PDB file of N, CA and C in Angstrom:
ATOM      1  N   ALA A   1      61.788 177.146 117.962  1.00  0.00           N
ATOM      2  CA  ALA A   1      61.742 177.461 119.386  1.00  0.00           C
ATOM      3  C   ALA A   1      61.888 178.966 119.603  1.00  0.00           C
ATOM      4  N   LYS A   2      62.763 179.581 118.797  1.00  0.00           N
ATOM      5  CA  LYS A   2      62.969 181.028 118.922  1.00  0.00           C
ATOM      6  C   LYS A   2      61.659 181.775 118.661  1.00  0.00           C
ATOM      7  N   ARG A   3      60.958 181.404 117.605  1.00  0.00           N
ATOM      8  CA  ARG A   3      59.699 182.065 117.240  1.00  0.00           C
ATOM      9  C   ARG A   3      58.650 181.873 118.336  1.00  0.00           C
ATOM     10  N   ILE A   4      58.578 180.674 118.889  1.00  0.00           N
ATOM     11  CA  ILE A   4      57.603 180.395 119.950  1.00  0.00           C
ATOM     12  C   ILE A   4      57.890 181.270 121.165  1.00  0.00           C
ATOM     13  N   LYS A   5      59.158 181.416 121.508  1.00  0.00           N
ATOM     14  CA  LYS A   5      59.533 182.281 122.637  1.00  0.00           C
ATOM     15  C   LYS A   5      59.123 183.729 122.368  1.00  0.00           C
ATOM     16  N   GLU A   6      59.336 184.188 121.132  1.00  0.00           N
ATOM     17  CA  GLU A   6      58.960 185.564 120.777  1.00  0.00           C
ATOM     18  C   GLU A   6      57.446 185.768 120.894  1.00  0.00           C
ATOM     19  N   ILE A   7      56.695 184.797 120.423  1.00  0.00           N
ATOM     20  CA  ILE A   7      55.235 184.890 120.489  1.00  0.00           C
ATOM     21  C   ILE A   7      54.771 184.894 121.946  1.00  0.00           C
ATOM     22  N   CYS A   8      55.345 184.020 122.756  1.00  0.00           N
ATOM     23  CA  CYS A   8      54.985 183.958 124.176  1.00  0.00           C
ATOM     24  C   CYS A   8      55.294 185.278 124.883  1.00  0.00           C
ATOM     25  N   LYS A   9      56.438 185.842 124.587  1.00  0.00           N
ATOM     26  CA  LYS A   9      56.828 187.118 125.190  1.00  0.00           C
ATOM     27  C   LYS A   9      55.834 188.212 124.811  1.00  0.00           C
ATOM     28  N   LYS A  10      55.475 188.270 123.538  1.00  0.00           N
ATOM     29  CA  LYS A  10      54.515 189.273 123.070  1.00  0.00           C
ATOM     30  C   LYS A  10      53.144 189.060 123.718  1.00  0.00           C
ATOM     31  N   LEU A  11      52.732 187.802 123.844  1.00  0.00           N
ATOM     32  CA  LEU A  11      51.454 187.508 124.487  1.00  0.00           C
ATOM     33  C   LEU A  11      51.429 188.015 125.927  1.00  0.00           C
ATOM     34  N   ILE A  12      52.513 187.788 126.639  1.00  0.00           N
ATOM     35  CA  ILE A  12      52.589 188.210 128.039  1.00  0.00           C
ATOM     36  C   ILE A  12      52.652 189.731 128.140  1.00  0.00           C
ATOM     37  N   GLU A  13      53.519 190.348 127.365  1.00  0.00           N
ATOM     38  CA  GLU A  13      53.752 191.788 127.473  1.00  0.00           C
ATOM     39  C   GLU A  13      52.624 192.645 126.891  1.00  0.00           C
ATOM     40  N   GLU A  14      52.044 192.206 125.788  1.00  0.00           N
ATOM     41  CA  GLU A  14      51.062 193.048 125.106  1.00  0.00           C
ATOM     42  C   GLU A  14      49.613 192.573 125.218  1.00  0.00           C
ATOM     43  N   TYR A  15      49.419 191.326 125.633  1.00  0.00           N
ATOM     44  CA  TYR A  15      48.070 190.774 125.671  1.00  0.00           C
ATOM     45  C   TYR A  15      47.717 190.175 127.029  1.00  0.00           C
ATOM     46  N   ASN A  16      48.495 190.502 128.050  1.00  0.00           N
ATOM     47  CA  ASN A  16      48.255 189.986 129.406  1.00  0.00           C
ATOM     48  C   ASN A  16      48.126 188.463 129.426  1.00  0.00           C
ATOM     49  N   GLY A  17      48.862 187.791 128.556  1.00  0.00           N
ATOM     50  CA  GLY A  17      48.876 186.336 128.532  1.00  0.00           C
ATOM     51  C   GLY A  17      47.690 185.692 127.843  1.00  0.00           C
ATOM     52  N   LYS A  18      46.806 186.498 127.270  1.00  0.00           N
ATOM     53  CA  LYS A  18      45.615 185.951 126.609  1.00  0.00           C
ATOM     54  C   LYS A  18      45.812 185.943 125.089  1.00  0.00           C
ATOM     55  N   VAL A  19      45.593 184.795 124.499  1.00  0.00           N
ATOM     56  CA  VAL A  19      45.721 184.649 123.051  1.00  0.00           C
ATOM     57  C   VAL A  19      44.561 185.389 122.383  1.00  0.00           C
ATOM     58  N   PRO A  20      44.842 186.233 121.405  1.00  0.00           N
ATOM     59  CA  PRO A  20      43.763 186.954 120.711  1.00  0.00           C
ATOM     60  C   PRO A  20      42.773 185.999 120.046  1.00  0.00           C
ATOM     61  N   ASP A  21      41.545 186.468 119.877  1.00  0.00           N
ATOM     62  CA  ASP A  21      40.495 185.608 119.327  1.00  0.00           C
ATOM     63  C   ASP A  21      40.032 186.015 117.928  1.00  0.00           C
ATOM     64  N   THR A  22      40.833 186.833 117.241  1.00  0.00           N
ATOM     65  CA  THR A  22      40.481 187.194 115.868  1.00  0.00           C
ATOM     66  C   THR A  22      41.646 186.846 114.939  1.00  0.00           C
ATOM     67  N   ILE A  23      41.295 186.498 113.730  1.00  0.00           N
ATOM     68  CA  ILE A  23      42.309 186.158 112.733  1.00  0.00           C
ATOM     69  C   ILE A  23      43.212 187.355 112.477  1.00  0.00           C
ATOM     70  N   GLU A  24      42.612 188.524 112.350  1.00  0.00           N
ATOM     71  CA  GLU A  24      43.378 189.738 112.058  1.00  0.00           C
ATOM     72  C   GLU A  24      44.426 190.013 113.136  1.00  0.00           C
ATOM     73  N   GLU A  25      44.041 189.872 114.378  1.00  0.00           N
ATOM     74  CA  GLU A  25      44.972 190.133 115.483  1.00  0.00           C
ATOM     75  C   GLU A  25      46.068 189.062 115.534  1.00  0.00           C
ATOM     76  N   LEU A  26      45.704 187.827 115.317  1.00  0.00           N
ATOM     77  CA  LEU A  26      46.687 186.741 115.343  1.00  0.00           C
ATOM     78  C   LEU A  26      47.715 186.873 114.226  1.00  0.00           C
ATOM     79  N   LEU A  27      47.296 187.384 113.092  1.00  0.00           N
ATOM     80  CA  LEU A  27      48.215 187.557 111.964  1.00  0.00           C
ATOM     81  C   LEU A  27      49.284 188.619 112.233  1.00  0.00           C
ATOM     82  N   ARG A  28      49.112 189.404 113.269  1.00  0.00           N
ATOM     83  CA  ARG A  28      50.118 190.415 113.647  1.00  0.00           C
ATOM     84  C   ARG A  28      51.348 189.791 114.296  1.00  0.00           C
ATOM     85  N   PHE A  29      51.230 188.535 114.692  1.00  0.00           N
ATOM     86  CA  PHE A  29      52.357 187.826 115.301  1.00  0.00           C
ATOM     87  C   PHE A  29      53.256 187.283 114.199  1.00  0.00           C
ATOM     88  N   LYS A  30      54.527 187.596 114.290  1.00  0.00           N
ATOM     89  CA  LYS A  30      55.482 187.078 113.325  1.00  0.00           C
ATOM     90  C   LYS A  30      55.513 185.555 113.449  1.00  0.00           C
ATOM     91  N   GLY A  31      55.349 184.873 112.321  1.00  0.00           N
ATOM     92  CA  GLY A  31      55.358 183.416 112.327  1.00  0.00           C
ATOM     93  C   GLY A  31      53.981 182.789 112.366  1.00  0.00           C
ATOM     94  N   VAL A  32      52.943 183.605 112.523  1.00  0.00           N
ATOM     95  CA  VAL A  32      51.577 183.079 112.517  1.00  0.00           C
ATOM     96  C   VAL A  32      50.961 183.389 111.162  1.00  0.00           C
ATOM     97  N   GLY A  33      50.586 182.336 110.447  1.00  0.00           N
ATOM     98  CA  GLY A  33      49.955 182.492 109.142  1.00  0.00           C
ATOM     99  C   GLY A  33      48.466 182.267 109.229  1.00  0.00           C
ATOM    100  N   ARG A  34      47.830 182.294 108.097  1.00  0.00           N
ATOM    101  CA  ARG A  34      46.365 182.183 108.044  1.00  0.00           C
ATOM    102  C   ARG A  34      45.870 180.841 108.602  1.00  0.00           C
ATOM    103  N   LYS A  35      46.566 179.756 108.279  1.00  0.00           N
ATOM    104  CA  LYS A  35      46.121 178.454 108.769  1.00  0.00           C
ATOM    105  C   LYS A  35      46.148 178.412 110.297  1.00  0.00           C
ATOM    106  N   THR A  36      47.251 178.844 110.883  1.00  0.00           N
ATOM    107  CA  THR A  36      47.377 178.838 112.343  1.00  0.00           C
ATOM    108  C   THR A  36      46.349 179.767 112.983  1.00  0.00           C
ATOM    109  N   ALA A  37      46.149 180.944 112.399  1.00  0.00           N
ATOM    110  CA  ALA A  37      45.171 181.893 112.935  1.00  0.00           C
ATOM    111  C   ALA A  37      43.761 181.296 112.873  1.00  0.00           C
ATOM    112  N   ASN A  38      43.424 180.680 111.756  1.00  0.00           N
ATOM    113  CA  ASN A  38      42.108 180.056 111.631  1.00  0.00           C
ATOM    114  C   ASN A  38      41.933 178.907 112.612  1.00  0.00           C
ATOM    115  N   ILE A  39      42.956 178.086 112.764  1.00  0.00           N
ATOM    116  CA  ILE A  39      42.888 176.968 113.717  1.00  0.00           C
ATOM    117  C   ILE A  39      42.664 177.495 115.129  1.00  0.00           C
ATOM    118  N   THR A  40      43.339 178.571 115.472  1.00  0.00           N
ATOM    119  CA  THR A  40      43.200 179.154 116.809  1.00  0.00           C
ATOM    120  C   THR A  40      41.781 179.638 117.066  1.00  0.00           C
ATOM    121  N   VAL A  41      41.185 180.353 116.125  1.00  0.00           N
ATOM    122  CA  VAL A  41      39.831 180.866 116.372  1.00  0.00           C
ATOM    123  C   VAL A  41      38.795 179.742 116.331  1.00  0.00           C
ATOM    124  N   VAL A  42      38.985 178.751 115.459  1.00  0.00           N
ATOM    125  CA  VAL A  42      38.021 177.655 115.358  1.00  0.00           C
ATOM    126  C   VAL A  42      38.082 176.749 116.578  1.00  0.00           C
ATOM    127  N   TYR A  43      39.272 176.236 116.879  1.00  0.00           N
ATOM    128  CA  TYR A  43      39.389 175.234 117.942  1.00  0.00           C
ATOM    129  C   TYR A  43      39.625 175.838 119.324  1.00  0.00           C
ATOM    130  N   GLY A  44      40.175 177.029 119.360  1.00  0.00           N
ATOM    131  CA  GLY A  44      40.409 177.673 120.655  1.00  0.00           C
ATOM    132  C   GLY A  44      39.233 178.495 121.147  1.00  0.00           C
ATOM    133  N   TYR A  45      38.476 179.084 120.207  1.00  0.00           N
ATOM    134  CA  TYR A  45      37.395 179.994 120.587  1.00  0.00           C
ATOM    135  C   TYR A  45      36.030 179.612 120.011  1.00  0.00           C
ATOM    136  N   ASN A  46      35.970 178.509 119.278  1.00  0.00           N
ATOM    137  CA  ASN A  46      34.710 178.053 118.694  1.00  0.00           C
ATOM    138  C   ASN A  46      34.042 179.147 117.850  1.00  0.00           C
ATOM    139  N   LYS A  47      34.878 179.890 117.123  1.00  0.00           N
ATOM    140  CA  LYS A  47      34.385 180.957 116.254  1.00  0.00           C
ATOM    141  C   LYS A  47      34.543 180.518 114.801  1.00  0.00           C
ATOM    142  N   PRO A  48      33.801 181.151 113.896  1.00  0.00           N
ATOM    143  CA  PRO A  48      33.931 180.790 112.481  1.00  0.00           C
ATOM    144  C   PRO A  48      35.329 181.081 111.942  1.00  0.00           C
ATOM    145  N   GLY A  49      35.847 180.120 111.249  1.00  0.00           N
ATOM    146  CA  GLY A  49      37.131 180.248 110.585  1.00  0.00           C
ATOM    147  C   GLY A  49      37.244 179.076 109.624  1.00  0.00           C
ATOM    148  N   MET A  50      38.193 179.161 108.707  1.00  0.00           N
ATOM    149  CA  MET A  50      38.350 178.085 107.743  1.00  0.00           C
ATOM    150  C   MET A  50      39.830 177.758 107.567  1.00  0.00           C
ATOM    151  N   PRO A  51      40.365 176.883 108.434  1.00  0.00           N
ATOM    152  CA  PRO A  51      41.757 176.474 108.252  1.00  0.00           C
ATOM    153  C   PRO A  51      41.896 175.671 106.953  1.00  0.00           C
ATOM    154  N   VAL A  52      42.826 176.066 106.117  1.00  0.00           N
ATOM    155  CA  VAL A  52      43.034 175.366 104.854  1.00  0.00           C
ATOM    156  C   VAL A  52      44.451 174.810 104.829  1.00  0.00           C
ATOM    157  N   ASP A  53      44.546 173.481 104.872  1.00  0.00           N
ATOM    158  CA  ASP A  53      45.843 172.810 104.766  1.00  0.00           C
ATOM    159  C   ASP A  53      45.946 172.200 103.369  1.00  0.00           C
ATOM    160  N   THR A  54      46.885 171.303 103.175  1.00  0.00           N
ATOM    161  CA  THR A  54      47.081 170.736 101.841  1.00  0.00           C
ATOM    162  C   THR A  54      45.858 169.949 101.365  1.00  0.00           C
ATOM    163  N   HIS A  55      45.186 169.232 102.268  1.00  0.00           N
ATOM    164  CA  HIS A  55      43.990 168.475 101.884  1.00  0.00           C
ATOM    165  C   HIS A  55      42.860 169.438 101.504  1.00  0.00           C
ATOM    166  N   CYS A  56      42.681 170.460 102.325  1.00  0.00           N
ATOM    167  CA  CYS A  56      41.607 171.427 102.101  1.00  0.00           C
ATOM    168  C   CYS A  56      41.871 172.291 100.875  1.00  0.00           C
ATOM    169  N   PHE A  57      43.093 172.300 100.408  1.00  0.00           N
ATOM    170  CA  PHE A  57      43.458 172.979  99.164  1.00  0.00           C
ATOM    171  C   PHE A  57      43.258 172.022  97.983  1.00  0.00           C
ATOM    172  N   ARG A  58      43.775 170.812  98.097  1.00  0.00           N
ATOM    173  CA  ARG A  58      43.761 169.850  97.006  1.00  0.00           C
ATOM    174  C   ARG A  58      42.353 169.388  96.641  1.00  0.00           C
ATOM    175  N   ILE A  59      41.567 168.993  97.612  1.00  0.00           N
ATOM    176  CA  ILE A  59      40.281 168.353  97.341  1.00  0.00           C
ATOM    177  C   ILE A  59      39.274 169.288  96.660  1.00  0.00           C
ATOM    178  N   PRO A  60      39.056 170.504  97.135  1.00  0.00           N
ATOM    179  CA  PRO A  60      38.124 171.384  96.411  1.00  0.00           C
ATOM    180  C   PRO A  60      38.568 171.666  94.970  1.00  0.00           C
ATOM    181  N   ASN A  61      39.883 171.688  94.735  1.00  0.00           N
ATOM    182  CA  ASN A  61      40.374 171.855  93.373  1.00  0.00           C
ATOM    183  C   ASN A  61      40.084 170.604  92.540  1.00  0.00           C
ATOM    184  N   ARG A  62      40.281 169.437  93.116  1.00  0.00           N
ATOM    185  CA  ARG A  62      39.970 168.190  92.402  1.00  0.00           C
ATOM    186  C   ARG A  62      38.481 168.090  92.083  1.00  0.00           C
ATOM    187  N   LEU A  63      37.668 168.447  93.056  1.00  0.00           N
ATOM    188  CA  LEU A  63      36.223 168.371  92.857  1.00  0.00           C
ATOM    189  C   LEU A  63      35.745 169.369  91.803  1.00  0.00           C
ATOM    190  N   GLY A  64      36.490 170.455  91.655  1.00  0.00           N
ATOM    191  CA  GLY A  64      36.103 171.493  90.711  1.00  0.00           C
ATOM    192  C   GLY A  64      35.352 172.643  91.363  1.00  0.00           C
ATOM    193  N   TRP A  65      35.346 172.684  92.693  1.00  0.00           N
ATOM    194  CA  TRP A  65      34.689 173.784  93.403  1.00  0.00           C
ATOM    195  C   TRP A  65      35.421 175.092  93.168  1.00  0.00           C
ATOM    196  N   VAL A  66      36.758 175.004  93.150  1.00  0.00           N
ATOM    197  CA  VAL A  66      37.604 176.183  92.966  1.00  0.00           C
ATOM    198  C   VAL A  66      38.719 175.835  91.989  1.00  0.00           C
ATOM    199  N   LYS A  67      39.338 176.863  91.462  1.00  0.00           N
ATOM    200  CA  LYS A  67      40.547 176.702  90.655  1.00  0.00           C
ATOM    201  C   LYS A  67      41.550 177.690  91.230  1.00  0.00           C
ATOM    202  N   THR A  68      42.297 177.220  92.221  1.00  0.00           N
ATOM    203  CA  THR A  68      43.210 178.110  92.936  1.00  0.00           C
ATOM    204  C   THR A  68      44.624 177.543  92.925  1.00  0.00           C
ATOM    205  N   LYS A  69      45.582 178.413  93.238  1.00  0.00           N
ATOM    206  CA  LYS A  69      46.989 178.033  93.177  1.00  0.00           C
ATOM    207  C   LYS A  69      47.637 177.834  94.549  1.00  0.00           C
ATOM    208  N   ASN A  70      46.962 178.255  95.619  1.00  0.00           N
ATOM    209  CA  ASN A  70      47.553 178.113  96.947  1.00  0.00           C
ATOM    210  C   ASN A  70      46.453 178.067  98.013  1.00  0.00           C
ATOM    211  N   PRO A  71      46.793 177.607  99.227  1.00  0.00           N
ATOM    212  CA  PRO A  71      45.794 177.483 100.293  1.00  0.00           C
ATOM    213  C   PRO A  71      45.113 178.804 100.667  1.00  0.00           C
ATOM    214  N   GLU A  72      45.860 179.909 100.671  1.00  0.00           N
ATOM    215  CA  GLU A  72      45.247 181.192 101.048  1.00  0.00           C
ATOM    216  C   GLU A  72      44.167 181.593 100.044  1.00  0.00           C
ATOM    217  N   GLU A  73      44.474 181.486  98.781  1.00  0.00           N
ATOM    218  CA  GLU A  73      43.492 181.798  97.741  1.00  0.00           C
ATOM    219  C   GLU A  73      42.279 180.871  97.867  1.00  0.00           C
ATOM    220  N   THR A  74      42.544 179.599  98.168  1.00  0.00           N
ATOM    221  CA  THR A  74      41.471 178.614  98.337  1.00  0.00           C
ATOM    222  C   THR A  74      40.565 179.009  99.492  1.00  0.00           C
ATOM    223  N   GLU A  75      41.172 179.422 100.609  1.00  0.00           N
ATOM    224  CA  GLU A  75      40.371 179.842 101.769  1.00  0.00           C
ATOM    225  C   GLU A  75      39.385 180.931 101.382  1.00  0.00           C
ATOM    226  N   PHE A  76      39.853 181.952 100.706  1.00  0.00           N
ATOM    227  CA  PHE A  76      38.980 183.071 100.363  1.00  0.00           C
ATOM    228  C   PHE A  76      37.875 182.664  99.384  1.00  0.00           C
ATOM    229  N   LYS A  77      38.192 181.804  98.433  1.00  0.00           N
ATOM    230  CA  LYS A  77      37.176 181.337  97.479  1.00  0.00           C
ATOM    231  C   LYS A  77      36.138 180.459  98.190  1.00  0.00           C
ATOM    232  N   LEU A  78      36.610 179.578  99.094  1.00  0.00           N
ATOM    233  CA  LEU A  78      35.682 178.702  99.807  1.00  0.00           C
ATOM    234  C   LEU A  78      34.772 179.487 100.742  1.00  0.00           C
ATOM    235  N   ARG A  79      35.279 180.550 101.321  1.00  0.00           N
ATOM    236  CA  ARG A  79      34.451 181.398 102.177  1.00  0.00           C
ATOM    237  C   ARG A  79      33.273 181.985 101.398  1.00  0.00           C
ATOM    238  N   GLU A  80      33.447 182.147 100.094  1.00  0.00           N
ATOM    239  CA  GLU A  80      32.379 182.698  99.252  1.00  0.00           C
ATOM    240  C   GLU A  80      31.309 181.664  98.932  1.00  0.00           C
ATOM    241  N   ILE A  81      31.669 180.383  98.900  1.00  0.00           N
ATOM    242  CA  ILE A  81      30.712 179.368  98.449  1.00  0.00           C
ATOM    243  C   ILE A  81      30.190 178.435  99.547  1.00  0.00           C
ATOM    244  N   ILE A  82      30.881 178.380 100.668  1.00  0.00           N
ATOM    245  CA  ILE A  82      30.438 177.506 101.766  1.00  0.00           C
ATOM    246  C   ILE A  82      29.767 178.371 102.829  1.00  0.00           C
ATOM    247  N   PRO A  83      28.551 178.021 103.229  1.00  0.00           N
ATOM    248  CA  PRO A  83      27.875 178.787 104.271  1.00  0.00           C
ATOM    249  C   PRO A  83      28.711 178.837 105.563  1.00  0.00           C
ATOM    250  N   LYS A  84      28.717 179.985 106.198  1.00  0.00           N
ATOM    251  CA  LYS A  84      29.543 180.230 107.387  1.00  0.00           C
ATOM    252  C   LYS A  84      29.323 179.189 108.489  1.00  0.00           C
ATOM    253  N   LYS A  85      28.115 178.682 108.620  1.00  0.00           N
ATOM    254  CA  LYS A  85      27.827 177.718 109.694  1.00  0.00           C
ATOM    255  C   LYS A  85      28.607 176.409 109.526  1.00  0.00           C
ATOM    256  N   TYR A  86      29.142 176.151 108.320  1.00  0.00           N
ATOM    257  CA  TYR A  86      29.902 174.930 108.077  1.00  0.00           C
ATOM    258  C   TYR A  86      31.415 175.133 108.098  1.00  0.00           C
ATOM    259  N   TRP A  87      31.884 176.346 108.163  1.00  0.00           N
ATOM    260  CA  TRP A  87      33.313 176.618 108.085  1.00  0.00           C
ATOM    261  C   TRP A  87      34.116 175.819 109.099  1.00  0.00           C
ATOM    262  N   ARG A  88      33.668 175.807 110.341  1.00  0.00           N
ATOM    263  CA  ARG A  88      34.467 175.184 111.398  1.00  0.00           C
ATOM    264  C   ARG A  88      34.597 173.664 111.230  1.00  0.00           C
ATOM    265  N   TYR A  89      33.712 173.040 110.470  1.00  0.00           N
ATOM    266  CA  TYR A  89      33.745 171.594 110.260  1.00  0.00           C
ATOM    267  C   TYR A  89      34.526 171.202 109.003  1.00  0.00           C
ATOM    268  N   PHE A  90      34.767 172.171 108.154  1.00  0.00           N
ATOM    269  CA  PHE A  90      35.384 171.909 106.863  1.00  0.00           C
ATOM    270  C   PHE A  90      36.745 171.241 107.006  1.00  0.00           C
ATOM    271  N   ASN A  91      37.620 171.782 107.840  1.00  0.00           N
ATOM    272  CA  ASN A  91      38.974 171.256 107.969  1.00  0.00           C
ATOM    273  C   ASN A  91      38.971 169.811 108.454  1.00  0.00           C
ATOM    274  N   ASP A  92      38.275 169.524 109.526  1.00  0.00           N
ATOM    275  CA  ASP A  92      38.235 168.151 110.052  1.00  0.00           C
ATOM    276  C   ASP A  92      37.723 167.167 109.006  1.00  0.00           C
ATOM    277  N   THR A  93      36.662 167.538 108.337  1.00  0.00           N
ATOM    278  CA  THR A  93      36.048 166.658 107.344  1.00  0.00           C
ATOM    279  C   THR A  93      36.984 166.392 106.172  1.00  0.00           C
ATOM    280  N   PHE A  94      37.582 167.458 105.648  1.00  0.00           N
ATOM    281  CA  PHE A  94      38.418 167.292 104.466  1.00  0.00           C
ATOM    282  C   PHE A  94      39.783 166.690 104.778  1.00  0.00           C
ATOM    283  N   VAL A  95      40.298 166.914 105.964  1.00  0.00           N
ATOM    284  CA  VAL A  95      41.561 166.264 106.339  1.00  0.00           C
ATOM    285  C   VAL A  95      41.350 164.761 106.419  1.00  0.00           C
ATOM    286  N   ALA A  96      40.302 164.320 107.098  1.00  0.00           N
ATOM    287  CA  ALA A  96      40.031 162.879 107.208  1.00  0.00           C
ATOM    288  C   ALA A  96      39.770 162.276 105.828  1.00  0.00           C
ATOM    289  N   PHE A  97      38.989 162.965 105.019  1.00  0.00           N
ATOM    290  CA  PHE A  97      38.680 162.494 103.667  1.00  0.00           C
ATOM    291  C   PHE A  97      39.950 162.432 102.815  1.00  0.00           C
ATOM    292  N   GLY A  98      40.813 163.419 102.966  1.00  0.00           N
ATOM    293  CA  GLY A  98      42.053 163.483 102.200  1.00  0.00           C
ATOM    294  C   GLY A  98      43.087 162.462 102.631  1.00  0.00           C
ATOM    295  N   GLN A  99      43.070 162.067 103.875  1.00  0.00           N
ATOM    296  CA  GLN A  99      44.010 161.065 104.359  1.00  0.00           C
ATOM    297  C   GLN A  99      43.576 159.650 103.998  1.00  0.00           C
ATOM    298  N   ASN A 100      42.271 159.450 103.874  1.00  0.00           N
ATOM    299  CA  ASN A 100      41.757 158.099 103.683  1.00  0.00           C
ATOM    300  C   ASN A 100      41.243 157.776 102.284  1.00  0.00           C
ATOM    301  N   ILE A 101      40.669 158.739 101.599  1.00  0.00           N
ATOM    302  CA  ILE A 101      40.073 158.458 100.287  1.00  0.00           C
ATOM    303  C   ILE A 101      40.705 159.317  99.193  1.00  0.00           C
ATOM    304  N   CYS A 102      40.602 160.605  99.298  1.00  0.00           N
ATOM    305  CA  CYS A 102      41.094 161.505  98.245  1.00  0.00           C
ATOM    306  C   CYS A 102      42.555 161.863  98.536  1.00  0.00           C
ATOM    307  N   ARG A 103      43.370 160.833  98.530  1.00  0.00           N
ATOM    308  CA  ARG A 103      44.782 160.955  98.903  1.00  0.00           C
ATOM    309  C   ARG A 103      45.565 161.751  97.858  1.00  0.00           C
ATOM    310  N   PRO A 104      46.694 162.330  98.260  1.00  0.00           N
ATOM    311  CA  PRO A 104      47.485 163.133  97.325  1.00  0.00           C
ATOM    312  C   PRO A 104      47.948 162.338  96.103  1.00  0.00           C
ATOM    313  N   VAL A 105      48.425 161.133  96.342  1.00  0.00           N
ATOM    314  CA  VAL A 105      48.883 160.260  95.268  1.00  0.00           C
ATOM    315  C   VAL A 105      47.986 159.030  95.261  1.00  0.00           C
ATOM    316  N   LYS A 106      47.551 158.634  94.109  1.00  0.00           N
ATOM    317  CA  LYS A 106      46.673 157.472  93.948  1.00  0.00           C
ATOM    318  C   LYS A 106      45.424 157.553  94.834  1.00  0.00           C
ATOM    319  N   PRO A 107      44.585 158.542  94.586  1.00  0.00           N
ATOM    320  CA  PRO A 107      43.349 158.641  95.379  1.00  0.00           C
ATOM    321  C   PRO A 107      42.489 157.395  95.182  1.00  0.00           C
ATOM    322  N   HIS A 108      41.750 157.041  96.195  1.00  0.00           N
ATOM    323  CA  HIS A 108      40.909 155.846  96.173  1.00  0.00           C
ATOM    324  C   HIS A 108      39.531 156.185  95.597  1.00  0.00           C
ATOM    325  N   CYS A 109      39.511 156.528  94.326  1.00  0.00           N
ATOM    326  CA  CYS A 109      38.258 156.934  93.681  1.00  0.00           C
ATOM    327  C   CYS A 109      37.201 155.840  93.739  1.00  0.00           C
ATOM    328  N   TRP A 110      37.620 154.590  93.719  1.00  0.00           N
ATOM    329  CA  TRP A 110      36.681 153.470  93.762  1.00  0.00           C
ATOM    330  C   TRP A 110      35.930 153.399  95.091  1.00  0.00           C
ATOM    331  N   GLU A 111      36.432 154.062  96.127  1.00  0.00           N
ATOM    332  CA  GLU A 111      35.774 154.091  97.428  1.00  0.00           C
ATOM    333  C   GLU A 111      35.000 155.389  97.665  1.00  0.00           C
ATOM    334  N   CYS A 112      35.168 156.350  96.801  1.00  0.00           N
ATOM    335  CA  CYS A 112      34.666 157.707  97.032  1.00  0.00           C
ATOM    336  C   CYS A 112      33.152 157.813  96.835  1.00  0.00           C
ATOM    337  N   PRO A 113      32.462 158.411  97.809  1.00  0.00           N
ATOM    338  CA  PRO A 113      31.010 158.555  97.699  1.00  0.00           C
ATOM    339  C   PRO A 113      30.574 159.758  96.852  1.00  0.00           C
ATOM    340  N   VAL A 114      31.515 160.579  96.385  1.00  0.00           N
ATOM    341  CA  VAL A 114      31.121 161.785  95.650  1.00  0.00           C
ATOM    342  C   VAL A 114      31.681 161.833  94.226  1.00  0.00           C
ATOM    343  N   THR A 115      31.993 160.677  93.649  1.00  0.00           N
ATOM    344  CA  THR A 115      32.590 160.670  92.311  1.00  0.00           C
ATOM    345  C   THR A 115      31.695 161.326  91.261  1.00  0.00           C
ATOM    346  N   LYS A 116      30.401 161.215  91.409  1.00  0.00           N
ATOM    347  CA  LYS A 116      29.530 161.806  90.383  1.00  0.00           C
ATOM    348  C   LYS A 116      29.585 163.340  90.388  1.00  0.00           C
ATOM    349  N   TYR A 117      30.178 163.922  91.420  1.00  0.00           N
ATOM    350  CA  TYR A 117      30.337 165.373  91.492  1.00  0.00           C
ATOM    351  C   TYR A 117      31.779 165.816  91.264  1.00  0.00           C
ATOM    352  N   CYS A 118      32.665 164.880  90.983  1.00  0.00           N
ATOM    353  CA  CYS A 118      34.108 165.155  91.004  1.00  0.00           C
ATOM    354  C   CYS A 118      34.714 165.294  89.599  1.00  0.00           C
ATOM    355  N   ASN A 119      35.302 166.446  89.346  1.00  0.00           N
ATOM    356  CA  ASN A 119      35.986 166.690  88.071  1.00  0.00           C
ATOM    357  C   ASN A 119      37.183 165.758  87.891  1.00  0.00           C
ATOM    358  N   TYR A 120      37.941 165.529  88.943  1.00  0.00           N
ATOM    359  CA  TYR A 120      39.109 164.657  88.863  1.00  0.00           C
ATOM    360  C   TYR A 120      38.691 163.248  88.442  1.00  0.00           C
ATOM    361  N   TYR A 121      37.663 162.734  89.055  1.00  0.00           N
ATOM    362  CA  TYR A 121      37.181 161.388  88.731  1.00  0.00           C
ATOM    363  C   TYR A 121      36.794 161.297  87.258  1.00  0.00           C
ATOM    364  N   LYS A 122      36.034 162.270  86.790  1.00  0.00           N
ATOM    365  CA  LYS A 122      35.548 162.266  85.408  1.00  0.00           C
ATOM    366  C   LYS A 122      36.664 162.506  84.394  1.00  0.00           C
ATOM    367  N   ASN A 123      37.566 163.431  84.700  1.00  0.00           N
ATOM    368  CA  ASN A 123      38.538 163.878  83.712  1.00  0.00           C
ATOM    369  C   ASN A 123      39.921 163.225  83.808  1.00  0.00           C
ATOM    370  N   VAL A 124      40.231 162.588  84.946  1.00  0.00           N
ATOM    371  CA  VAL A 124      41.541 161.983  85.104  1.00  0.00           C
ATOM    372  C   VAL A 124      41.410 160.488  85.392  1.00  0.00           C
ATOM    373  N   TYR A 125      40.737 160.156  86.465  1.00  0.00           N
ATOM    374  CA  TYR A 125      40.651 158.754  86.893  1.00  0.00           C
ATOM    375  C   TYR A 125      40.051 157.850  85.817  1.00  0.00           C
ATOM    376  N   LEU A 126      38.891 158.196  85.322  1.00  0.00           N
ATOM    377  CA  LEU A 126      38.209 157.342  84.331  1.00  0.00           C
ATOM    378  C   LEU A 126      38.989 157.250  83.030  1.00  0.00           C
ATOM    379  N   LYS A 127      39.666 158.316  82.647  1.00  0.00           N
ATOM    380  CA  LYS A 127      40.439 158.320  81.393  1.00  0.00           C
ATOM    381  C   LYS A 127      41.715 157.497  81.495  1.00  0.00           C
ATOM    382  N   ASN A 128      42.231 157.318  82.698  1.00  0.00           N
ATOM    383  CA  ASN A 128      43.464 156.562  82.898  1.00  0.00           C
ATOM    384  C   ASN A 128      43.203 155.127  83.345  1.00  0.00           C
ATOM    385  N   LYS A 129      41.979 154.783  83.478  1.00  0.00           N
ATOM    386  CA  LYS A 129      41.615 153.449  83.982  1.00  0.00           C
ATOM    387  C   LYS A 129      41.741 152.415  82.905  1.00  0.00           C
TER     388      LYS A 129
END
């Protein structure tokens, strides 16, 4: 609550009550990280951004698209390989996929439509079956 009050005060005093529309500007707020900044520009301003949460970090690593250690690193690598026109859809798609099929524990590989492209399926699931 304290952080939210600080952000609101800064918005009123320095931004005339208008939330900034760039990731760089949003990151200047104490308590705002890359995920929150990306979510704000994507869903608040319909601008390109790539919010990366735990699903958006885990799944590209499982698939073998990236080999990263944290969501921020994943965001930057994915920005290099995913066309900008798809960035805003990435989070919604991968969150739903991660909650229902490519779950953190015991992923439902038997239901997955992309197993033939998935490193995890080939190297972990099939070997443990």
